[in-house]
Amino acid sequence: MTPHEKLIDDFYSAFHRKDHEAMAACYHPQVVFNDPVFSNLKGWKAAAMWRMLCERGKDLELTYSDLSADEQKGSARWEAHYTFSQTGRLVHNKILASFEFLEQKIVKHTDSFDLHHWMGMALGAKGKIIRWIPPLREMVKSKAVTSLDRYIEYKNLSAKDFANG
């Protein structure tokens, strides 16, 4: 296992344990996270998102596989099974993660998954309709960002609360 494959393994092993502090320790202070819902989360805000997901994901189960990395880039596949809290619907999301590294830490993390499929699972019939209407799709993404902002405010979080702040 290469050092960066171990770093990716450490990240997902921590996620499996819901250890957001260990996850944050894998990130470079200048990390940028993107996925189909959360765009351009920088630095400690990316770590705050994982903290929120770990704390709220009471029944979250995840598996990961296919770790691969060289000196600059890496990838992994992971799957999440959880109950979407807003609807009580079960979700099984399949994600392809890509990484870039700097100073032996993750500096860029991009998760790719089928947003249309996710919306159908998480939101049911409503999600199946929303997924075809771009303004409503953007509303779902905006609601997720607002939820993260409210979580940060409620917990009174700032850069000082994260290992790599």
N, C-alpha and C. Protein backbone atom coordinates (compact mmCIF):
# COMPACT_ATOMS: atom_id res chain seq x y z
N MET A 1 0.86 -1.18 0.00
CA MET A 1 0.00 0.00 0.00
C MET A 1 0.90 1.24 0.00
N THR A 2 0.65 2.16 -0.93
CA THR A 2 1.44 3.39 -0.99
C THR A 2 1.05 4.30 0.18
N PRO A 3 1.89 5.29 0.50
CA PRO A 3 1.53 6.21 1.60
C PRO A 3 0.19 6.92 1.37
N HIS A 4 -0.10 7.29 0.12
CA HIS A 4 -1.36 7.99 -0.13
C HIS A 4 -2.55 7.03 -0.12
N GLU A 5 -2.34 5.77 -0.50
CA GLU A 5 -3.41 4.79 -0.34
C GLU A 5 -3.72 4.60 1.14
N LYS A 6 -2.69 4.58 1.96
CA LYS A 6 -2.89 4.48 3.42
C LYS A 6 -3.65 5.69 3.94
N LEU A 7 -3.34 6.88 3.42
CA LEU A 7 -4.05 8.09 3.82
C LEU A 7 -5.54 7.98 3.48
N ILE A 8 -5.84 7.50 2.29
CA ILE A 8 -7.24 7.32 1.89
C ILE A 8 -7.90 6.27 2.79
N ASP A 9 -7.19 5.19 3.06
CA ASP A 9 -7.71 4.15 3.94
C ASP A 9 -7.97 4.72 5.34
N ASP A 10 -7.04 5.52 5.84
CA ASP A 10 -7.23 6.15 7.15
C ASP A 10 -8.48 7.03 7.16
N PHE A 11 -8.69 7.78 6.08
CA PHE A 11 -9.85 8.67 5.98
C PHE A 11 -11.15 7.87 6.06
N TYR A 12 -11.27 6.81 5.25
CA TYR A 12 -12.52 6.05 5.24
C TYR A 12 -12.68 5.15 6.46
N SER A 13 -11.59 4.70 7.01
CA SER A 13 -11.65 3.95 8.26
C SER A 13 -12.21 4.85 9.37
N ALA A 14 -11.74 6.09 9.41
CA ALA A 14 -12.25 7.06 10.38
C ALA A 14 -13.73 7.36 10.13
N PHE A 15 -14.10 7.50 8.87
CA PHE A 15 -15.50 7.76 8.52
C PHE A 15 -16.37 6.58 8.98
N HIS A 16 -15.89 5.36 8.75
CA HIS A 16 -16.61 4.17 9.18
C HIS A 16 -16.87 4.20 10.68
N ARG A 17 -15.90 4.71 11.45
CA ARG A 17 -16.04 4.83 12.91
C ARG A 17 -16.78 6.11 13.31
N LYS A 18 -17.09 6.96 12.34
CA LYS A 18 -17.71 8.28 12.57
C LYS A 18 -16.79 9.17 13.40
N ASP A 19 -15.50 9.08 13.13
CA ASP A 19 -14.47 9.85 13.82
C ASP A 19 -14.08 11.04 12.95
N HIS A 20 -14.88 12.10 13.04
CA HIS A 20 -14.67 13.27 12.18
C HIS A 20 -13.33 13.95 12.45
N GLU A 21 -12.81 13.86 13.66
CA GLU A 21 -11.51 14.47 13.95
C GLU A 21 -10.39 13.77 13.19
N ALA A 22 -10.44 12.45 13.14
CA ALA A 22 -9.43 11.70 12.38
C ALA A 22 -9.58 11.96 10.89
N MET A 23 -10.81 12.14 10.43
CA MET A 23 -11.03 12.48 9.02
C MET A 23 -10.40 13.83 8.71
N ALA A 24 -10.65 14.82 9.57
CA ALA A 24 -10.11 16.17 9.36
C ALA A 24 -8.59 16.15 9.36
N ALA A 25 -7.99 15.27 10.15
CA ALA A 25 -6.53 15.19 10.21
C ALA A 25 -5.92 14.69 8.89
N CYS A 26 -6.72 14.08 8.05
CA CYS A 26 -6.24 13.62 6.74
C CYS A 26 -6.23 14.75 5.70
N TYR A 27 -6.90 15.84 6.01
CA TYR A 27 -7.03 16.96 5.08
C TYR A 27 -5.92 17.99 5.27
N HIS A 28 -5.47 18.54 4.16
CA HIS A 28 -4.55 19.68 4.15
C HIS A 28 -5.37 20.92 4.54
N PRO A 29 -4.77 21.91 5.19
CA PRO A 29 -5.53 23.12 5.56
C PRO A 29 -6.20 23.81 4.36
N GLN A 30 -5.66 23.62 3.16
CA GLN A 30 -6.22 24.26 1.97
C GLN A 30 -7.11 23.33 1.16
N VAL A 31 -7.61 22.26 1.78
CA VAL A 31 -8.43 21.29 1.06
C VAL A 31 -9.64 21.97 0.41
N VAL A 32 -10.03 21.43 -0.73
CA VAL A 32 -11.27 21.83 -1.40
C VAL A 32 -12.07 20.57 -1.66
N PHE A 33 -13.33 20.56 -1.19
CA PHE A 33 -14.21 19.42 -1.37
C PHE A 33 -15.35 19.80 -2.31
N ASN A 34 -15.69 18.86 -3.20
CA ASN A 34 -16.84 19.03 -4.09
C ASN A 34 -17.58 17.71 -4.22
N ASP A 35 -18.90 17.80 -4.32
CA ASP A 35 -19.73 16.68 -4.75
C ASP A 35 -20.96 17.28 -5.41
N PRO A 36 -21.89 16.47 -5.91
CA PRO A 36 -23.05 17.05 -6.59
C PRO A 36 -23.95 17.92 -5.72
N VAL A 37 -23.82 17.85 -4.40
CA VAL A 37 -24.65 18.66 -3.50
C VAL A 37 -23.84 19.80 -2.91
N PHE A 38 -22.68 19.51 -2.36
CA PHE A 38 -21.83 20.52 -1.74
C PHE A 38 -20.73 20.92 -2.71
N SER A 39 -20.69 22.19 -3.07
CA SER A 39 -19.70 22.67 -4.04
C SER A 39 -18.70 23.60 -3.38
N ASN A 40 -17.44 23.35 -3.66
CA ASN A 40 -16.37 24.27 -3.30
C ASN A 40 -16.28 24.56 -1.80
N LEU A 41 -16.37 23.51 -0.99
CA LEU A 41 -16.16 23.68 0.45
C LEU A 41 -14.65 23.73 0.69
N LYS A 42 -14.19 24.80 1.29
CA LYS A 42 -12.76 25.00 1.46
C LYS A 42 -12.34 24.88 2.91
N GLY A 43 -11.16 24.28 3.11
CA GLY A 43 -10.54 24.21 4.42
C GLY A 43 -11.44 23.59 5.47
N TRP A 44 -11.55 24.26 6.59
CA TRP A 44 -12.26 23.72 7.73
C TRP A 44 -13.74 23.48 7.46
N LYS A 45 -14.32 24.15 6.47
CA LYS A 45 -15.74 23.93 6.18
C LYS A 45 -15.97 22.53 5.60
N ALA A 46 -14.97 22.01 4.87
CA ALA A 46 -15.08 20.62 4.39
C ALA A 46 -15.09 19.67 5.58
N ALA A 47 -14.20 19.91 6.54
CA ALA A 47 -14.17 19.09 7.75
C ALA A 47 -15.46 19.23 8.55
N ALA A 48 -16.03 20.43 8.57
CA ALA A 48 -17.29 20.65 9.29
C ALA A 48 -18.42 19.84 8.66
N MET A 49 -18.42 19.72 7.33
CA MET A 49 -19.44 18.92 6.65
C MET A 49 -19.37 17.47 7.11
N TRP A 50 -18.14 16.90 7.15
CA TRP A 50 -17.99 15.52 7.60
C TRP A 50 -18.41 15.37 9.06
N ARG A 51 -18.10 16.37 9.88
CA ARG A 51 -18.52 16.33 11.29
C ARG A 51 -20.04 16.27 11.37
N MET A 52 -20.71 17.12 10.60
CA MET A 52 -22.16 17.13 10.58
C MET A 52 -22.71 15.77 10.15
N LEU A 53 -22.16 15.22 9.09
CA LEU A 53 -22.65 13.94 8.58
C LEU A 53 -22.39 12.81 9.58
N CYS A 54 -21.25 12.83 10.23
CA CYS A 54 -20.96 11.81 11.25
C CYS A 54 -21.92 11.91 12.43
N GLU A 55 -22.18 13.12 12.89
CA GLU A 55 -23.06 13.30 14.04
C GLU A 55 -24.52 13.00 13.72
N ARG A 56 -24.95 13.36 12.53
CA ARG A 56 -26.35 13.17 12.17
C ARG A 56 -26.65 11.78 11.60
N GLY A 57 -25.62 11.10 11.11
CA GLY A 57 -25.80 9.81 10.45
C GLY A 57 -25.90 8.66 11.45
N LYS A 58 -26.96 8.65 12.23
CA LYS A 58 -27.11 7.66 13.31
C LYS A 58 -27.04 6.22 12.79
N ASP A 59 -27.66 5.95 11.64
CA ASP A 59 -27.65 4.58 11.11
C ASP A 59 -26.74 4.44 9.89
N LEU A 60 -25.85 5.39 9.69
CA LEU A 60 -24.94 5.37 8.54
C LEU A 60 -24.05 4.14 8.58
N GLU A 61 -24.06 3.40 7.51
CA GLU A 61 -23.15 2.27 7.31
C GLU A 61 -22.41 2.54 6.00
N LEU A 62 -21.09 2.33 6.01
CA LEU A 62 -20.37 2.54 4.77
C LEU A 62 -19.34 1.46 4.55
N THR A 63 -19.09 1.24 3.27
CA THR A 63 -18.02 0.34 2.86
C THR A 63 -17.19 1.10 1.84
N TYR A 64 -15.93 0.71 1.72
CA TYR A 64 -15.07 1.34 0.73
C TYR A 64 -14.15 0.30 0.12
N SER A 65 -13.70 0.57 -1.10
CA SER A 65 -12.87 -0.39 -1.82
C SER A 65 -12.12 0.31 -2.95
N ASP A 66 -11.32 -0.46 -3.65
CA ASP A 66 -10.62 0.00 -4.85
C ASP A 66 -9.77 1.24 -4.61
N LEU A 67 -9.07 1.27 -3.49
CA LEU A 67 -8.16 2.39 -3.20
C LEU A 67 -6.97 2.32 -4.14
N SER A 68 -6.65 3.47 -4.69
CA SER A 68 -5.51 3.56 -5.61
C SER A 68 -4.93 4.96 -5.48
N ALA A 69 -3.60 5.05 -5.45
CA ALA A 69 -2.99 6.38 -5.35
C ALA A 69 -1.52 6.32 -5.75
N ASP A 70 -1.06 7.42 -6.32
CA ASP A 70 0.36 7.62 -6.58
C ASP A 70 0.78 8.88 -5.81
N GLU A 71 1.82 9.53 -6.24
CA GLU A 71 2.31 10.70 -5.52
C GLU A 71 1.40 11.93 -5.63
N GLN A 72 0.65 12.03 -6.74
CA GLN A 72 -0.18 13.22 -6.96
C GLN A 72 -1.68 12.99 -6.78
N LYS A 73 -2.17 11.83 -7.24
CA LYS A 73 -3.61 11.61 -7.30
C LYS A 73 -3.99 10.25 -6.76
N GLY A 74 -5.27 10.15 -6.38
CA GLY A 74 -5.78 8.88 -5.90
C GLY A 74 -7.27 8.77 -6.12
N SER A 75 -7.80 7.58 -5.84
CA SER A 75 -9.24 7.36 -5.99
C SER A 75 -9.68 6.22 -5.07
N ALA A 76 -10.98 6.16 -4.87
CA ALA A 76 -11.59 5.08 -4.10
C ALA A 76 -13.07 5.03 -4.46
N ARG A 77 -13.65 3.89 -4.20
CA ARG A 77 -15.11 3.73 -4.31
C ARG A 77 -15.64 3.53 -2.90
N TRP A 78 -16.78 4.16 -2.64
CA TRP A 78 -17.41 3.92 -1.36
C TRP A 78 -18.92 3.93 -1.52
N GLU A 79 -19.58 3.23 -0.61
CA GLU A 79 -21.03 3.15 -0.62
C GLU A 79 -21.55 3.51 0.76
N ALA A 80 -22.62 4.27 0.78
CA ALA A 80 -23.25 4.68 2.03
C ALA A 80 -24.69 4.17 2.06
N HIS A 81 -25.07 3.59 3.18
CA HIS A 81 -26.44 3.18 3.46
C HIS A 81 -26.90 3.98 4.67
N TYR A 82 -28.00 4.71 4.53
CA TYR A 82 -28.48 5.51 5.65
C TYR A 82 -29.93 5.91 5.43
N THR A 83 -30.53 6.43 6.48
CA THR A 83 -31.88 6.97 6.39
C THR A 83 -31.76 8.47 6.20
N PHE A 84 -32.38 8.99 5.14
CA PHE A 84 -32.36 10.43 4.89
C PHE A 84 -33.30 11.07 5.91
N SER A 85 -32.74 11.90 6.78
CA SER A 85 -33.48 12.40 7.94
C SER A 85 -34.73 13.22 7.58
N GLN A 86 -34.71 13.92 6.49
CA GLN A 86 -35.85 14.79 6.15
C GLN A 86 -37.09 14.01 5.72
N THR A 87 -36.88 12.78 5.21
CA THR A 87 -38.01 12.01 4.69
C THR A 87 -38.17 10.64 5.34
N GLY A 88 -37.13 10.18 6.03
CA GLY A 88 -37.17 8.85 6.60
C GLY A 88 -36.96 7.74 5.58
N ARG A 89 -36.57 8.12 4.37
CA ARG A 89 -36.37 7.14 3.30
C ARG A 89 -34.95 6.57 3.34
N LEU A 90 -34.84 5.29 3.00
CA LEU A 90 -33.54 4.64 2.96
C LEU A 90 -32.79 5.01 1.67
N VAL A 91 -31.51 5.26 1.82
CA VAL A 91 -30.65 5.65 0.70
C VAL A 91 -29.48 4.68 0.63
N HIS A 92 -29.16 4.26 -0.57
CA HIS A 92 -27.94 3.49 -0.84
C HIS A 92 -27.21 4.22 -1.95
N ASN A 93 -26.23 5.02 -1.56
CA ASN A 93 -25.51 5.86 -2.51
C ASN A 93 -24.17 5.23 -2.85
N LYS A 94 -23.85 5.20 -4.14
CA LYS A 94 -22.58 4.67 -4.63
C LYS A 94 -21.74 5.84 -5.15
N ILE A 95 -20.54 5.98 -4.58
CA ILE A 95 -19.73 7.16 -4.83
C ILE A 95 -18.35 6.78 -5.35
N LEU A 96 -17.87 7.55 -6.31
CA LEU A 96 -16.49 7.45 -6.77
C LEU A 96 -15.78 8.71 -6.27
N ALA A 97 -14.73 8.51 -5.48
CA ALA A 97 -13.98 9.63 -4.91
C ALA A 97 -12.65 9.77 -5.64
N SER A 98 -12.27 11.02 -5.89
CA SER A 98 -10.94 11.29 -6.44
C SER A 98 -10.24 12.28 -5.51
N PHE A 99 -8.93 12.14 -5.44
CA PHE A 99 -8.14 12.92 -4.50
C PHE A 99 -6.90 13.48 -5.18
N GLU A 100 -6.45 14.62 -4.67
CA GLU A 100 -5.13 15.15 -4.99
C GLU A 100 -4.45 15.42 -3.66
N PHE A 101 -3.11 15.33 -3.66
CA PHE A 101 -2.35 15.39 -2.42
C PHE A 101 -1.34 16.53 -2.43
N LEU A 102 -1.09 17.05 -1.25
CA LEU A 102 -0.06 18.07 -1.04
C LEU A 102 0.48 17.87 0.37
N GLU A 103 1.78 17.78 0.49
CA GLU A 103 2.42 17.65 1.80
C GLU A 103 1.85 16.47 2.59
N GLN A 104 1.64 15.35 1.91
CA GLN A 104 1.17 14.09 2.51
C GLN A 104 -0.24 14.19 3.11
N LYS A 105 -1.02 15.15 2.61
CA LYS A 105 -2.41 15.31 3.04
C LYS A 105 -3.30 15.43 1.79
N ILE A 106 -4.60 15.26 1.99
CA ILE A 106 -5.57 15.42 0.90
C ILE A 106 -5.84 16.91 0.73
N VAL A 107 -5.55 17.44 -0.47
CA VAL A 107 -5.76 18.86 -0.73
C VAL A 107 -6.96 19.10 -1.66
N LYS A 108 -7.38 18.06 -2.37
CA LYS A 108 -8.57 18.16 -3.21
C LYS A 108 -9.30 16.82 -3.12
N HIS A 109 -10.59 16.90 -2.82
CA HIS A 109 -11.43 15.70 -2.66
C HIS A 109 -12.72 15.95 -3.42
N THR A 110 -12.98 15.11 -4.41
CA THR A 110 -14.18 15.23 -5.22
C THR A 110 -14.93 13.91 -5.20
N ASP A 111 -16.17 13.94 -4.73
CA ASP A 111 -17.04 12.77 -4.74
C ASP A 111 -18.02 12.91 -5.90
N SER A 112 -18.13 11.84 -6.69
CA SER A 112 -19.06 11.83 -7.83
C SER A 112 -20.11 10.75 -7.61
N PHE A 113 -21.36 11.14 -7.80
CA PHE A 113 -22.45 10.16 -7.75
C PHE A 113 -23.60 10.70 -8.58
N ASP A 114 -24.56 9.82 -8.86
CA ASP A 114 -25.71 10.16 -9.69
C ASP A 114 -26.73 10.93 -8.84
N LEU A 115 -26.73 12.25 -8.97
CA LEU A 115 -27.62 13.09 -8.17
C LEU A 115 -29.08 12.76 -8.46
N HIS A 116 -29.42 12.50 -9.71
CA HIS A 116 -30.81 12.17 -10.05
C HIS A 116 -31.27 10.93 -9.29
N HIS A 117 -30.42 9.91 -9.28
CA HIS A 117 -30.77 8.66 -8.59
C HIS A 117 -30.88 8.91 -7.08
N TRP A 118 -29.93 9.67 -6.54
CA TRP A 118 -29.95 9.98 -5.11
C TRP A 118 -31.24 10.71 -4.73
N MET A 119 -31.65 11.68 -5.54
CA MET A 119 -32.86 12.44 -5.24
C MET A 119 -34.09 11.54 -5.23
N GLY A 120 -34.13 10.59 -6.14
CA GLY A 120 -35.25 9.64 -6.16
C GLY A 120 -35.30 8.80 -4.89
N MET A 121 -34.12 8.33 -4.43
CA MET A 121 -34.07 7.53 -3.20
C MET A 121 -34.41 8.38 -1.98
N ALA A 122 -33.78 9.55 -1.87
CA ALA A 122 -33.91 10.38 -0.67
C ALA A 122 -35.26 11.06 -0.57
N LEU A 123 -35.80 11.50 -1.69
CA LEU A 123 -37.02 12.31 -1.67
C LEU A 123 -38.25 11.60 -2.23
N GLY A 124 -38.09 10.39 -2.74
CA GLY A 124 -39.22 9.64 -3.28
C GLY A 124 -39.78 10.27 -4.55
N ALA A 125 -41.10 10.20 -4.69
CA ALA A 125 -41.76 10.70 -5.90
C ALA A 125 -41.44 12.18 -6.14
N LYS A 126 -41.42 12.95 -5.06
CA LYS A 126 -41.08 14.38 -5.17
C LYS A 126 -39.68 14.55 -5.78
N GLY A 127 -38.73 13.73 -5.34
CA GLY A 127 -37.37 13.80 -5.86
C GLY A 127 -37.29 13.41 -7.32
N LYS A 128 -38.13 12.49 -7.73
CA LYS A 128 -38.14 12.05 -9.13
C LYS A 128 -38.63 13.17 -10.04
N ILE A 129 -39.49 14.01 -9.51
CA ILE A 129 -39.97 15.17 -10.29
C ILE A 129 -38.94 16.29 -10.24
N ILE A 130 -38.47 16.60 -9.03
CA ILE A 130 -37.52 17.70 -8.84
C ILE A 130 -36.26 17.50 -9.68
N ARG A 131 -35.80 16.26 -9.79
CA ARG A 131 -34.52 16.02 -10.46
C ARG A 131 -34.52 16.45 -11.93
N TRP A 132 -35.69 16.61 -12.53
CA TRP A 132 -35.76 17.02 -13.93
C TRP A 132 -35.95 18.52 -14.10
N ILE A 133 -36.10 19.25 -13.00
CA ILE A 133 -36.34 20.69 -13.09
C ILE A 133 -35.15 21.42 -12.47
N PRO A 134 -34.26 21.98 -13.31
CA PRO A 134 -33.01 22.57 -12.80
C PRO A 134 -33.17 23.54 -11.63
N PRO A 135 -34.13 24.47 -11.65
CA PRO A 135 -34.23 25.39 -10.50
C PRO A 135 -34.55 24.65 -9.19
N LEU A 136 -35.36 23.59 -9.27
CA LEU A 136 -35.69 22.83 -8.06
C LEU A 136 -34.49 22.00 -7.61
N ARG A 137 -33.70 21.49 -8.56
CA ARG A 137 -32.46 20.77 -8.22
C ARG A 137 -31.54 21.70 -7.45
N GLU A 138 -31.42 22.94 -7.92
CA GLU A 138 -30.56 23.92 -7.25
C GLU A 138 -31.09 24.25 -5.86
N MET A 139 -32.41 24.21 -5.70
CA MET A 139 -33.01 24.47 -4.40
C MET A 139 -32.60 23.38 -3.40
N VAL A 140 -32.56 22.12 -3.83
CA VAL A 140 -32.14 21.02 -2.97
C VAL A 140 -30.69 21.22 -2.54
N LYS A 141 -29.84 21.60 -3.48
CA LYS A 141 -28.43 21.85 -3.16
C LYS A 141 -28.29 23.04 -2.20
N SER A 142 -29.05 24.08 -2.45
CA SER A 142 -29.02 25.26 -1.59
C SER A 142 -29.47 24.92 -0.17
N LYS A 143 -30.46 24.06 -0.06
CA LYS A 143 -30.96 23.65 1.26
C LYS A 143 -29.87 22.89 2.02
N ALA A 144 -29.10 22.07 1.32
CA ALA A 144 -28.00 21.33 1.97
C ALA A 144 -26.93 22.29 2.49
N VAL A 145 -26.59 23.29 1.69
CA VAL A 145 -25.58 24.27 2.11
C VAL A 145 -26.10 25.07 3.30
N THR A 146 -27.37 25.46 3.26
CA THR A 146 -27.97 26.19 4.38
C THR A 146 -27.95 25.33 5.64
N SER A 147 -28.22 24.05 5.48
CA SER A 147 -28.18 23.14 6.62
C SER A 147 -26.78 23.09 7.23
N LEU A 148 -25.74 23.05 6.39
CA LEU A 148 -24.37 23.06 6.90
C LEU A 148 -24.08 24.39 7.59
N ASP A 149 -24.47 25.49 7.00
CA ASP A 149 -24.24 26.81 7.61
C ASP A 149 -24.92 26.90 8.98
N ARG A 150 -26.14 26.40 9.08
CA ARG A 150 -26.87 26.43 10.36
C ARG A 150 -26.20 25.53 11.39
N TYR A 151 -25.70 24.38 10.93
CA TYR A 151 -24.99 23.47 11.83
C TYR A 151 -23.74 24.16 12.38
N ILE A 152 -22.97 24.80 11.50
CA ILE A 152 -21.76 25.51 11.92
C ILE A 152 -22.11 26.60 12.93
N GLU A 153 -23.17 27.34 12.66
CA GLU A 153 -23.59 28.41 13.57
C GLU A 153 -24.07 27.83 14.90
N TYR A 154 -24.90 26.79 14.86
CA TYR A 154 -25.44 26.18 16.07
C TYR A 154 -24.33 25.63 16.96
N LYS A 155 -23.33 25.00 16.34
CA LYS A 155 -22.22 24.43 17.09
C LYS A 155 -21.14 25.46 17.40
N ASN A 156 -21.32 26.68 16.85
CA ASN A 156 -20.36 27.76 17.04
C ASN A 156 -18.96 27.33 16.59
N LEU A 157 -18.90 26.75 15.39
CA LEU A 157 -17.65 26.21 14.86
C LEU A 157 -16.87 27.27 14.09
N SER A 158 -15.56 27.13 14.11
CA SER A 158 -14.68 27.98 13.30
C SER A 158 -13.42 27.17 13.00
N ALA A 159 -12.52 27.76 12.28
CA ALA A 159 -11.28 27.07 11.89
C ALA A 159 -10.54 26.49 13.08
N LYS A 160 -10.60 27.16 14.21
CA LYS A 160 -9.86 26.70 15.40
C LYS A 160 -10.35 25.35 15.91
N ASP A 161 -11.55 24.93 15.49
CA ASP A 161 -12.12 23.68 15.96
C ASP A 161 -11.65 22.47 15.17
N PHE A 162 -10.81 22.67 14.18
CA PHE A 162 -10.38 21.58 13.32
C PHE A 162 -8.86 21.47 13.30
N ALA A 163 -8.41 20.23 13.25
CA ALA A 163 -6.98 19.93 13.36
C ALA A 163 -6.13 20.74 12.40
N ASN A 164 -6.62 20.91 11.17
CA ASN A 164 -5.82 21.59 10.16
C ASN A 164 -6.33 22.99 9.84
N GLY A 165 -7.29 23.46 10.67
CA GLY A 165 -7.89 24.77 10.59
C GLY A 165 -7.53 25.58 9.44
